[in-house]
């Protein structure tokens, strides 16, 4: 259901922001951009003290994707197995039991659209506005190359947080920096994965792009719920990676 809710939001915002969508020059522009395939900036921002959480998140996704590719099996159970395997190898413990226990809490928010999450979660109005501005910035991307602009917006925001220019508590500042780290790294992972070549037709290009955008937003959804439900940033990593893994399954990646 979460996938459906995010899909509907993407379609609504895309249609709402589009003008003269029937004009052929818009199609040509998309095709040219798809073929151009500008190199994406690397996602790291060493100024963010929480940047490692995004790095580990992408390492987990790469690990799971490689395992699934070898097995040629994208079943839900196997996907969850490899997410658990990665984090148990890294941190130890019985992760499967922990995820199952948290799932009951997480299901409360599973059907809540991502832009409505901050109304349901315990955060200040200022933080809610900032978080939603990040989600809107993600929706503004129309091609993978827009990631570079998205990343710069996130880095500018992180600089403002670190300088104390956003009036939120220290705890919320910490939560926000963890969230921006995950979405900045996650969007890079997904936009890098969008197929880009001269022989790609517009339909396949757009399918790959929206699949990537939805993958990044699934990460963001999982990260937000975990950030405001627990006091463990390890849980944030695990839940965001698991949500992203399910998107790989959903789109036959």
Protein backbone atom coordinates (compact mmCIF):
# COMPACT_ATOMS: atom_id res chain seq x y z
CA UNK A 1 0.00 0.00 0.00
CA UNK A 2 2.90 2.37 0.74
CA UNK A 3 4.15 1.93 -2.82
CA UNK A 4 0.71 2.81 -4.16
CA UNK A 5 0.47 5.95 -2.02
CA UNK A 6 3.89 7.20 -3.14
CA UNK A 7 3.09 6.38 -6.79
CA UNK A 8 -0.11 8.43 -6.62
CA UNK A 9 1.76 11.38 -5.12
CA UNK A 10 4.42 11.26 -7.83
CA UNK A 11 1.79 11.20 -10.57
CA UNK A 12 -0.21 14.02 -9.00
CA UNK A 13 2.80 16.30 -8.60
CA UNK A 14 4.16 15.46 -12.04
CA UNK A 15 0.85 16.28 -13.72
CA UNK A 16 0.35 19.35 -11.57
CA UNK A 17 3.77 20.75 -12.42
CA UNK A 18 3.65 19.89 -16.13
CA UNK A 19 2.59 22.37 -18.82
CA UNK A 20 1.59 21.57 -22.40
CA UNK A 21 2.47 17.94 -21.92
CA UNK A 22 1.17 17.08 -25.38
CA UNK A 23 3.72 19.23 -27.17
CA UNK A 24 6.29 17.11 -29.01
CA UNK A 25 9.23 19.31 -28.02
CA UNK A 26 8.84 18.18 -24.39
CA UNK A 27 9.24 14.55 -25.45
CA UNK A 28 12.31 15.45 -27.46
CA UNK A 29 13.79 17.27 -24.49
CA UNK A 30 13.32 14.24 -22.23
CA UNK A 31 14.87 11.94 -24.82
CA UNK A 32 17.87 14.22 -25.29
CA UNK A 33 18.45 14.48 -21.56
CA UNK A 34 18.17 10.71 -21.21
CA UNK A 35 20.81 10.23 -23.87
CA UNK A 36 23.06 12.96 -22.52
CA UNK A 37 23.54 11.13 -19.22
CA UNK A 38 25.48 13.75 -17.27
CA UNK A 39 27.68 12.26 -14.59
CA UNK A 40 26.09 12.57 -11.16
CA UNK A 41 27.95 14.21 -8.31
CA UNK A 42 29.07 11.86 -5.57
CA UNK A 43 26.61 11.89 -2.64
CA UNK A 44 29.04 12.41 0.26
CA UNK A 45 29.05 15.52 2.44
CA UNK A 46 31.82 15.21 5.05
CA UNK A 47 30.55 18.35 6.81
CA UNK A 48 27.51 16.39 7.99
CA UNK A 49 28.56 14.48 11.15
CA UNK A 50 25.91 11.85 10.33
CA UNK A 51 27.13 11.25 6.78
CA UNK A 52 28.30 7.73 7.62
CA UNK A 53 24.69 6.57 8.04
CA UNK A 54 24.00 7.31 4.39
CA UNK A 55 27.21 5.62 3.30
CA UNK A 56 26.38 2.45 5.24
CA UNK A 57 22.83 2.54 3.89
CA UNK A 58 24.08 2.46 0.29
CA UNK A 59 26.59 -0.26 1.12
CA UNK A 60 23.71 -2.36 2.43
CA UNK A 61 21.68 -1.82 -0.76
CA UNK A 62 24.66 -2.71 -2.94
CA UNK A 63 25.24 -5.87 -0.89
CA UNK A 64 21.62 -6.99 -1.18
CA UNK A 65 21.38 -6.16 -4.89
CA UNK A 66 24.54 -8.16 -5.64
CA UNK A 67 23.23 -11.16 -3.72
CA UNK A 68 19.87 -11.07 -5.47
CA UNK A 69 21.47 -10.73 -8.88
CA UNK A 70 23.58 -13.84 -8.29
CA UNK A 71 20.57 -15.80 -7.06
CA UNK A 72 18.31 -14.35 -9.78
CA UNK A 73 15.59 -14.43 -7.15
CA UNK A 74 13.89 -11.21 -6.03
CA UNK A 75 11.37 -12.77 -3.66
CA UNK A 76 10.30 -10.75 -0.64
CA UNK A 77 11.61 -13.30 1.85
CA UNK A 78 15.03 -13.49 0.22
CA UNK A 79 15.26 -9.73 0.07
CA UNK A 80 14.53 -9.46 3.78
CA UNK A 81 17.01 -12.28 4.46
CA UNK A 82 19.88 -10.38 2.82
CA UNK A 83 19.06 -7.11 4.56
CA UNK A 84 19.13 -8.98 7.86
CA UNK A 85 22.33 -10.79 6.89
CA UNK A 86 24.15 -7.54 6.07
CA UNK A 87 23.33 -5.80 9.33
CA UNK A 88 23.85 -8.88 11.49
CA UNK A 89 27.30 -9.29 9.95
CA UNK A 90 28.02 -5.65 10.69
CA UNK A 91 26.49 -5.26 14.14
CA UNK A 92 25.57 -8.73 15.41
CA UNK A 93 22.39 -9.60 17.28
CA UNK A 94 19.10 -11.19 16.21
CA UNK A 95 17.92 -8.67 13.66
CA UNK A 96 15.05 -10.73 12.27
CA UNK A 97 13.36 -10.78 15.66
CA UNK A 98 13.94 -7.06 16.12
CA UNK A 99 12.49 -6.20 12.70
CA UNK A 100 9.44 -8.35 13.31
CA UNK A 101 8.84 -6.64 16.65
CA UNK A 102 9.17 -3.17 15.11
CA UNK A 103 6.92 -4.08 12.21
CA UNK A 104 3.84 -3.86 14.42
CA UNK A 105 4.66 -0.25 15.25
CA UNK A 106 5.64 0.56 11.68
CA UNK A 107 2.34 -0.70 10.25
CA UNK A 108 0.58 2.23 11.94
CA UNK A 109 2.22 4.54 9.41
CA UNK A 110 2.48 2.24 6.42
CA UNK A 111 -0.50 3.75 4.60
CA UNK A 112 0.28 7.36 5.53
CA UNK A 113 1.47 9.39 2.48
CA UNK A 114 5.01 10.63 2.95
CA UNK A 115 4.01 14.31 2.95
CA UNK A 116 1.50 13.60 5.75
CA UNK A 117 3.92 11.70 7.97
CA UNK A 118 5.10 14.73 9.92
CA UNK A 119 1.50 15.35 11.04
CA UNK A 120 1.40 11.86 12.54
CA UNK A 121 4.89 11.78 14.05
CA UNK A 122 6.12 13.66 17.14
CA UNK A 123 8.06 16.58 15.65
CA UNK A 124 7.87 20.37 15.80
CA UNK A 125 6.11 22.46 13.16
CA UNK A 126 9.43 23.91 12.01
CA UNK A 127 10.99 20.48 11.53
CA UNK A 128 7.87 19.28 9.72
CA UNK A 129 8.15 22.16 7.26
CA UNK A 130 11.83 21.43 6.63
CA UNK A 131 11.26 17.71 6.11
CA UNK A 132 8.41 18.32 3.68
CA UNK A 133 10.53 20.85 1.76
CA UNK A 134 13.06 18.05 1.22
CA UNK A 135 10.35 15.72 -0.09
CA UNK A 136 9.10 18.43 -2.46
CA UNK A 137 12.67 18.94 -3.69
CA UNK A 138 12.83 15.23 -4.52
CA UNK A 139 9.54 15.44 -6.42
CA UNK A 140 10.95 18.34 -8.46
CA UNK A 141 13.47 16.01 -10.10
CA UNK A 142 12.41 15.17 -13.64
CA UNK A 143 15.51 13.33 -14.88
CA UNK A 144 18.43 11.60 -13.06
CA UNK A 145 20.74 14.54 -13.72
CA UNK A 146 18.52 16.70 -11.49
CA UNK A 147 20.11 14.83 -8.59
CA UNK A 148 23.01 17.30 -8.66
CA UNK A 149 20.64 20.20 -7.93
CA UNK A 150 18.81 18.14 -5.31
CA UNK A 151 22.09 17.31 -3.56
CA UNK A 152 23.11 20.95 -3.46
CA UNK A 153 19.79 21.90 -1.87
CA UNK A 154 20.34 19.25 0.80
CA UNK A 155 23.91 20.39 1.50
CA UNK A 156 22.76 24.01 1.81
CA UNK A 157 20.11 22.90 4.29
CA UNK A 158 22.66 20.86 6.26
CA UNK A 159 24.91 23.92 6.48
CA UNK A 160 22.03 25.94 7.88
CA UNK A 161 21.34 23.25 10.49
CA UNK A 162 24.99 23.08 11.54
CA UNK A 163 25.14 26.88 11.88
CA UNK A 164 22.00 26.91 14.04
CA UNK A 165 19.99 28.96 11.54
CA UNK A 166 17.00 26.62 11.72
CA UNK A 167 15.15 26.99 15.01
CA UNK A 168 14.81 23.39 16.14
CA UNK A 169 16.05 21.54 19.21
CA UNK A 170 19.43 19.83 19.29
CA UNK A 171 17.72 16.44 19.20
CA UNK A 172 15.69 17.41 16.14
CA UNK A 173 18.80 18.82 14.46
CA UNK A 174 20.47 15.45 14.97
CA UNK A 175 17.44 13.63 13.58
CA UNK A 176 17.31 15.95 10.57
CA UNK A 177 21.00 15.48 9.74
CA UNK A 178 20.53 11.71 9.81
CA UNK A 179 17.50 12.01 7.55
CA UNK A 180 19.26 14.26 5.03
CA UNK A 181 22.22 11.88 4.96
CA UNK A 182 20.02 8.92 4.08
CA UNK A 183 17.93 10.64 1.42
CA UNK A 184 20.98 12.30 -0.17
CA UNK A 185 22.81 8.98 -0.48
CA UNK A 186 19.70 6.98 -1.35
CA UNK A 187 18.66 9.26 -4.22
CA UNK A 188 22.15 8.99 -5.64
CA UNK A 189 21.99 5.18 -5.50
CA UNK A 190 18.66 5.09 -7.31
CA UNK A 191 19.43 7.80 -9.90
CA UNK A 192 22.73 6.09 -10.72
CA UNK A 193 20.79 2.89 -11.34
CA UNK A 194 18.45 4.46 -13.92
CA UNK A 195 19.39 3.03 -17.36
CA UNK A 196 20.99 5.69 -19.60
CA UNK A 197 21.96 4.95 -23.18
CA UNK A 198 21.31 6.29 -26.68
CA UNK A 199 19.11 3.35 -27.66
CA UNK A 200 16.73 3.80 -24.72
CA UNK A 201 13.23 4.90 -25.73
CA UNK A 202 11.30 7.48 -23.76
CA UNK A 203 8.92 4.99 -22.13
CA UNK A 204 11.68 2.78 -20.75
CA UNK A 205 13.66 5.81 -19.62
CA UNK A 206 10.71 7.27 -17.71
CA UNK A 207 9.86 3.89 -16.21
CA UNK A 208 13.41 3.56 -14.91
CA UNK A 209 13.47 7.12 -13.62
CA UNK A 210 10.19 6.90 -11.72
CA UNK A 211 11.23 3.53 -10.33
CA UNK A 212 14.36 5.21 -8.98
CA UNK A 213 12.45 8.17 -7.57
CA UNK A 214 10.03 5.85 -5.79
CA UNK A 215 12.91 3.83 -4.39
CA UNK A 216 14.45 6.94 -2.84
CA UNK A 217 11.11 8.05 -1.42
CA UNK A 218 10.52 4.61 0.11
CA UNK A 219 13.84 5.05 1.89
CA UNK A 220 12.74 8.44 3.12
CA UNK A 221 9.43 7.05 4.41
CA UNK A 222 11.15 4.29 6.38
CA UNK A 223 13.79 6.65 7.75
CA UNK A 224 11.22 9.19 8.96
CA UNK A 225 9.10 6.63 10.80
CA UNK A 226 12.17 5.15 12.49
CA UNK A 227 13.70 8.53 13.39
CA UNK A 228 10.64 9.62 15.33
CA UNK A 229 9.65 6.23 16.74
CA UNK A 230 12.96 5.04 18.21
CA UNK A 231 16.13 6.42 19.74
CA UNK A 232 18.35 4.12 17.72
CA UNK A 233 19.99 5.25 14.50
CA UNK A 234 20.78 1.63 13.74
CA UNK A 235 17.04 1.03 13.45
CA UNK A 236 16.84 3.94 11.02
CA UNK A 237 19.46 2.29 8.83
CA UNK A 238 17.80 -1.11 8.93
CA UNK A 239 14.26 0.13 8.29
CA UNK A 240 15.23 2.47 5.45
CA UNK A 241 17.32 -0.26 3.78
CA UNK A 242 14.49 -2.77 4.13
CA UNK A 243 11.96 -0.36 2.60
CA UNK A 244 14.31 0.34 -0.27
CA UNK A 245 14.88 -3.37 -0.76
CA UNK A 246 11.15 -3.90 -1.13
CA UNK A 247 11.12 -1.32 -3.93
CA UNK A 248 13.76 -3.31 -5.78
CA UNK A 249 11.38 -6.26 -5.57
CA UNK A 250 8.31 -4.27 -6.55
CA UNK A 251 9.79 -3.07 -9.82
CA UNK A 252 11.66 -6.23 -10.76
CA UNK A 253 14.98 -4.44 -10.51
